[in-house]
C-alpha atoms as a PDB file:
ATOM      1  CA  MET A   1     127.122  85.962 110.607  1.00  0.00           C
ATOM      2  CA  ARG A   2     126.739  89.365 112.239  1.00  0.00           C
ATOM      3  CA  GLN A   3     129.745  90.673 110.374  1.00  0.00           C
ATOM      4  CA  ALA A   4     128.371  89.318 107.103  1.00  0.00           C
ATOM      5  CA  LEU A   5     124.992  90.958 107.724  1.00  0.00           C
ATOM      6  CA  PHE A   6     126.770  94.223 108.550  1.00  0.00           C
ATOM      7  CA  ARG A   7     128.789  94.024 105.330  1.00  0.00           C
ATOM      8  CA  ILE A   8     125.663  93.271 103.297  1.00  0.00           C
ATOM      9  CA  TRP A   9     123.920  96.261 104.901  1.00  0.00           C
ATOM     10  CA  LEU A  10     127.010  98.468 104.397  1.00  0.00           C
ATOM     11  CA  ARG A  11     127.104  97.652 100.690  1.00  0.00           C
ATOM     12  CA  TRP A  12     123.424  98.534 100.444  1.00  0.00           C
ATOM     13  CA  ALA A  13     123.864 101.734 102.509  1.00  0.00           C
ATOM     14  CA  VAL A  14     126.723 102.986 100.335  1.00  0.00           C
ATOM     15  CA  TRP A  15     124.738 102.265  97.170  1.00  0.00           C
ATOM     16  CA  ALA A  16     121.559 103.932  98.477  1.00  0.00           C
ATOM     17  CA  THR A  17     123.549 106.942  99.695  1.00  0.00           C
ATOM     18  CA  LEU A  18     125.437 107.453  96.450  1.00  0.00           C
ATOM     19  CA  PHE A  19     122.302 106.963  94.351  1.00  0.00           C
ATOM     20  CA  SER A  20     120.262 109.423  96.404  1.00  0.00           C
ATOM     21  CA  LEU A  21     123.030 112.038  96.618  1.00  0.00           C
ATOM     22  CA  MET A  22     123.857 111.880  92.919  1.00  0.00           C
ATOM     23  CA  GLY A  23     120.194 111.904  91.899  1.00  0.00           C
ATOM     24  CA  ALA A  24     119.394 114.796  94.214  1.00  0.00           C
ATOM     25  CA  PHE A  25     122.392 116.795  93.031  1.00  0.00           C
ATOM     26  CA  VAL A  26     121.625 116.266  89.343  1.00  0.00           C
ATOM     27  CA  VAL A  27     117.991 117.327  89.739  1.00  0.00           C
ATOM     28  CA  ALA A  28     118.892 120.267  92.026  1.00  0.00           C
ATOM     29  CA  PHE A  29     121.577 121.429  89.610  1.00  0.00           C
ATOM     30  CA  GLY A  30     119.096 121.158  86.740  1.00  0.00           C
ATOM     31  CA  MET A  31     116.514 123.206  88.647  1.00  0.00           C
ATOM     32  CA  THR A  32     119.121 125.831  89.536  1.00  0.00           C
ATOM     33  CA  LEU A  33     120.305 126.017  85.951  1.00  0.00           C
ATOM     34  CA  ALA A  34     116.703 126.342  84.765  1.00  0.00           C
ATOM     35  CA  PHE A  35     116.082 129.252  87.167  1.00  0.00           C
ATOM     36  CA  TYR A  36     119.302 130.889  86.031  1.00  0.00           C
ATOM     37  CA  LEU A  37     118.398 130.571  82.358  1.00  0.00           C
ATOM     38  CA  LEU A  38     114.782 131.672  82.901  1.00  0.00           C
ATOM     39  CA  LYS A  39     116.020 134.840  84.585  1.00  0.00           C
ATOM     40  CA  GLY A  40     118.044 135.740  81.513  1.00  0.00           C
ATOM     41  CA  ALA A  41     121.469 134.249  82.336  1.00  0.00           C
ATOM     42  CA  VAL A  42     122.711 137.422  83.992  1.00  0.00           C
ATOM     43  CA  SER A  43     126.408 137.916  84.682  1.00  0.00           C
ATOM     44  CA  LEU A  44     127.727 135.765  87.534  1.00  0.00           C
ATOM     45  CA  GLU A  45     128.511 138.294  90.229  1.00  0.00           C
ATOM     46  CA  ASP A  46     128.797 137.519  93.936  1.00  0.00           C
ATOM     47  CA  ASP A  47     125.147 138.187  94.750  1.00  0.00           C
ATOM     48  CA  VAL A  48     123.969 136.088  91.796  1.00  0.00           C
ATOM     49  CA  LEU A  49     126.264 133.214  92.803  1.00  0.00           C
ATOM     50  CA  ASN A  50     125.003 133.412  96.403  1.00  0.00           C
ATOM     51  CA  ALA A  51     121.405 133.317  95.199  1.00  0.00           C
ATOM     52  CA  LEU A  52     122.122 130.365  92.905  1.00  0.00           C
ATOM     53  CA  GLY A  53     123.849 128.588  95.805  1.00  0.00           C
ATOM     54  CA  GLY A  54     120.772 129.109  97.970  1.00  0.00           C
ATOM     55  CA  ILE A  55     118.502 127.781  95.226  1.00  0.00           C
ATOM     56  CA  LEU A  56     120.785 124.759  94.769  1.00  0.00           C
ATOM     57  CA  LEU A  57     120.777 123.976  98.494  1.00  0.00           C
ATOM     58  CA  PHE A  58     117.008 124.331  98.714  1.00  0.00           C
ATOM     59  CA  TRP A  59     116.340 122.011  95.788  1.00  0.00           C
ATOM     60  CA  PHE A  60     119.021 119.579  96.944  1.00  0.00           C
ATOM     61  CA  SER A  61     117.318 119.104 100.305  1.00  0.00           C
ATOM     62  CA  VAL A  62     113.921 118.664  98.648  1.00  0.00           C
ATOM     63  CA  CYS A  63     115.244 116.213  96.056  1.00  0.00           C
ATOM     64  CA  TRP A  64     117.321 114.268  98.604  1.00  0.00           C
ATOM     65  CA  SER A  65     114.263 113.702 100.768  1.00  0.00           C
ATOM     66  CA  LEU A  66     112.544 112.164  97.727  1.00  0.00           C
ATOM     67  CA  ALA A  67     115.559 110.286  96.352  1.00  0.00           C
ATOM     68  CA  LEU A  68     116.519 108.537  99.600  1.00  0.00           C
ATOM     69  CA  PRO A  69     113.379 106.359  99.850  1.00  0.00           C
ATOM     70  CA  LEU A  70     113.680 105.635  96.132  1.00  0.00           C
ATOM     71  CA  GLY A  71     117.330 104.676  96.608  1.00  0.00           C
ATOM     72  CA  THR A  72     116.471 102.375  99.496  1.00  0.00           C
ATOM     73  CA  PHE A  73     113.890 100.610  97.336  1.00  0.00           C
ATOM     74  CA  LEU A  74     116.102 100.290  94.266  1.00  0.00           C
ATOM     75  CA  GLY A  75     118.983  99.085  96.421  1.00  0.00           C
ATOM     76  CA  MET A  76     116.802  96.472  98.127  1.00  0.00           C
ATOM     77  CA  LYS A  77     117.148  94.147  95.144  1.00  0.00           C
ATOM     78  CA  GLN A  78     120.926  94.159  95.660  1.00  0.00           C
ATOM     79  CA  LEU A  79     120.518  92.765  99.159  1.00  0.00           C
ATOM     80  CA  PHE A  80     119.223  89.515  97.679  1.00  0.00           C
ATOM     81  CA  SER A  81     121.381  89.238  94.582  1.00  0.00           C
ATOM     82  CA  ARG A  82     124.981  89.493  95.817  1.00  0.00           C
ATOM     83  CA  CYS A  83     127.207  87.223  97.869  1.00  0.00           C
ATOM     84  CA  VAL A  84     129.151  89.258 100.442  1.00  0.00           C
ATOM     85  CA  ALA A  85     131.677  87.725 102.859  1.00  0.00           C
ATOM     86  CA  GLY A  86     130.427  84.227 102.045  1.00  0.00           C
ATOM     87  CA  TYR A  87     126.789  85.009 102.913  1.00  0.00           C
ATOM     88  CA  ARG A  88     123.769  86.343 101.127  1.00  0.00           C
ATOM     89  CA  LEU A  89     120.181  87.130 101.948  1.00  0.00           C
ATOM     90  CA  GLN A  90     117.685  84.713 100.454  1.00  0.00           C
ATOM     91  CA  LEU A  91     114.143  85.834  99.734  1.00  0.00           C
ATOM     92  CA  PHE A  92     111.210  83.434  99.966  1.00  0.00           C
ATOM     93  CA  THR A  93     107.638  83.817  98.757  1.00  0.00           C
ATOM     94  CA  CYS A  94     104.624  83.779 101.061  1.00  0.00           C
ATOM     95  CA  SER A  95     104.356  80.007 100.551  1.00  0.00           C
ATOM     96  CA  LEU A  96     108.060  79.754 101.557  1.00  0.00           C
ATOM     97  CA  GLU A  97     109.294  78.921  98.072  1.00  0.00           C
ATOM     98  CA  ARG A  98     112.785  80.152  97.210  1.00  0.00           C
ATOM     99  CA  VAL A  99     112.930  83.179  94.878  1.00  0.00           C
ATOM    100  CA  GLU A 100     115.869  82.449  92.589  1.00  0.00           C
ATOM    101  CA  LYS A 101     115.943  85.599  90.460  1.00  0.00           C
ATOM    102  CA  VAL A 102     114.775  88.502  92.600  1.00  0.00           C
ATOM    103  CA  GLN A 103     112.789  91.218  90.817  1.00  0.00           C
ATOM    104  CA  TYR A 104     111.539  94.540  92.164  1.00  0.00           C
ATOM    105  CA  SER A 105     108.022  93.135  92.354  1.00  0.00           C
ATOM    106  CA  ASP A 106     109.332  90.457  94.729  1.00  0.00           C
ATOM    107  CA  VAL A 107     110.923  92.902  97.177  1.00  0.00           C
ATOM    108  CA  ILE A 108     107.983  95.317  97.547  1.00  0.00           C
ATOM    109  CA  LYS A 109     106.486  93.518 100.542  1.00  0.00           C
ATOM    110  CA  ALA A 110     109.845  93.178 102.322  1.00  0.00           C
ATOM    111  CA  TRP A 111     110.787  96.797 101.532  1.00  0.00           C
ATOM    112  CA  ARG A 112     107.468  98.112 102.817  1.00  0.00           C
ATOM    113  CA  LYS A 113     107.899  96.215 106.075  1.00  0.00           C
ATOM    114  CA  TRP A 114     111.519  97.372 106.329  1.00  0.00           C
ATOM    115  CA  LEU A 115     110.556 100.988 105.605  1.00  0.00           C
ATOM    116  CA  PHE A 116     107.891 101.111 108.306  1.00  0.00           C
ATOM    117  CA  LEU A 117     110.190  99.466 110.849  1.00  0.00           C
ATOM    118  CA  THR A 118     112.885 101.975 109.910  1.00  0.00           C
ATOM    119  CA  ILE A 119     110.470 104.872 110.441  1.00  0.00           C
ATOM    120  CA  TRP A 120     109.625 103.538 113.897  1.00  0.00           C
ATOM    121  CA  GLY A 121     113.332 103.136 114.593  1.00  0.00           C
ATOM    122  CA  VAL A 122     113.969 106.754 113.622  1.00  0.00           C
ATOM    123  CA  ALA A 123     111.176 107.852 115.967  1.00  0.00           C
ATOM    124  CA  VAL A 124     112.764 105.863 118.798  1.00  0.00           C
ATOM    125  CA  GLY A 125     116.141 107.425 117.965  1.00  0.00           C
ATOM    126  CA  VAL A 126     114.640 110.926 118.137  1.00  0.00           C
ATOM    127  CA  LEU A 127     113.085 110.114 121.509  1.00  0.00           C
ATOM    128  CA  ILE A 128     116.388 108.756 122.842  1.00  0.00           C
ATOM    129  CA  ILE A 129     118.341 111.804 121.669  1.00  0.00           C
ATOM    130  CA  THR A 130     115.710 114.102 123.179  1.00  0.00           C
ATOM    131  CA  ALA A 131     115.831 112.204 126.485  1.00  0.00           C
ATOM    132  CA  VAL A 132     119.627 112.418 126.558  1.00  0.00           C
ATOM    133  CA  GLN A 133     119.396 116.135 125.851  1.00  0.00           C
ATOM    134  CA  ILE A 134     116.931 116.596 128.715  1.00  0.00           C
ATOM    135  CA  VAL A 135     119.201 114.676 131.091  1.00  0.00           C
ATOM    136  CA  MET A 136     122.351 116.537 130.018  1.00  0.00           C
ATOM    137  CA  GLN A 137     120.971 120.061 129.581  1.00  0.00           C
ATOM    138  CA  GLY A 138     117.755 120.026 131.572  1.00  0.00           C
ATOM    139  CA  ARG A 139     115.677 120.951 128.520  1.00  0.00           C
ATOM    140  CA  ALA A 140     114.870 119.645 125.061  1.00  0.00           C
ATOM    141  CA  ASP A 141     115.520 121.850 122.062  1.00  0.00           C
ATOM    142  CA  MET A 142     115.284 119.900 118.830  1.00  0.00           C
ATOM    143  CA  SER A 143     116.158 122.960 116.767  1.00  0.00           C
ATOM    144  CA  LEU A 144     119.753 122.640 117.967  1.00  0.00           C
ATOM    145  CA  TRP A 145     120.384 119.199 116.512  1.00  0.00           C
ATOM    146  CA  PHE A 146     117.530 118.035 114.297  1.00  0.00           C
ATOM    147  CA  HIS A 147     118.345 118.533 110.615  1.00  0.00           C
ATOM    148  CA  SER A 148     118.614 116.402 107.488  1.00  0.00           C
ATOM    149  CA  TYR A 149     122.066 114.991 108.258  1.00  0.00           C
ATOM    150  CA  VAL A 150     121.057 113.743 111.710  1.00  0.00           C
ATOM    151  CA  LEU A 151     117.889 112.331 110.179  1.00  0.00           C
ATOM    152  CA  TYR A 152     119.978 110.530 107.550  1.00  0.00           C
ATOM    153  CA  ILE A 153     122.218 109.002 110.247  1.00  0.00           C
ATOM    154  CA  LEU A 154     119.156 107.873 112.196  1.00  0.00           C
ATOM    155  CA  ILE A 155     117.670 106.339 109.039  1.00  0.00           C
ATOM    156  CA  MET A 156     120.854 104.397 108.313  1.00  0.00           C
ATOM    157  CA  LEU A 157     121.266 103.156 111.897  1.00  0.00           C
ATOM    158  CA  SER A 158     117.615 102.210 112.075  1.00  0.00           C
ATOM    159  CA  SER A 159     117.792 100.375 108.754  1.00  0.00           C
ATOM    160  CA  LEU A 160     120.684  98.275 110.068  1.00  0.00           C
ATOM    161  CA  ALA A 161     118.784  97.384 113.230  1.00  0.00           C
ATOM    162  CA  THR A 162     115.579  96.593 111.371  1.00  0.00           C
ATOM    163  CA  LEU A 163     117.396  94.499 108.761  1.00  0.00           C
ATOM    164  CA  ALA A 164     118.881  92.394 111.561  1.00  0.00           C
ATOM    165  CA  LEU A 165     115.431  92.145 113.160  1.00  0.00           C
ATOM    166  CA  MET A 166     113.829  91.085 109.883  1.00  0.00           C
ATOM    167  CA  VAL A 167     116.464  88.407 109.287  1.00  0.00           C
ATOM    168  CA  ARG A 168     115.785  86.976 112.745  1.00  0.00           C
ATOM    169  CA  ARG A 169     111.967  87.267 112.747  1.00  0.00           C
ATOM    170  CA  CYS A 170     110.725  87.276 109.161  1.00  0.00           C
ATOM    171  CA  PRO A 171     110.391  83.787 107.627  1.00  0.00           C
ATOM    172  CA  SER A 172     110.654  85.150 104.092  1.00  0.00           C
ATOM    173  CA  ILE A 173     114.197  86.521 104.579  1.00  0.00           C
ATOM    174  CA  VAL A 174     117.056  84.202 105.532  1.00  0.00           C
ATOM    175  CA  LEU A 175     120.806  84.788 105.802  1.00  0.00           C
ATOM    176  CA  GLU A 176     122.571  81.779 104.256  1.00  0.00           C
ATOM    177  CA  ARG A 177     125.981  80.747 103.016  1.00  0.00           C
ATOM    178  CA  CYS A 178     126.751  81.060  99.331  1.00  0.00           C
END
């Protein structure tokens, strides 16, 4: 069952990652292209390309931070609609009635709970990394390691842990054979 839950989460994580990266890149590229065209579409010399690269990276980080929560929500429906490794997650209503065809309106409550647990998990991860840094180096300097990629890894690890916790503790989410 643990392997099945991991595979279900992995499918979701890959989907959420690809959706958020592609969405962020498309919007960032559009913003960069808009800035380039608004400035008169000057010739692409090295300094212009470097400036456009900086604009692209800036907008990518902004758009990725907005697209990742959206991707986690949109991917949440997939958790309950696919059979992976002989198991699937089953969603129940508040009155413990089986939800046969899961809609986005059905997963809002579960996603909100999962999101807040994931945020707390990320905070715990930051505290653990900081404590390890203090033990190993004698000081804590978050500027050395805290950036968007580490935050993404913490979000994904925390989402796996909180999904397992929700399956064990939440009566409206059950892992069952299919």
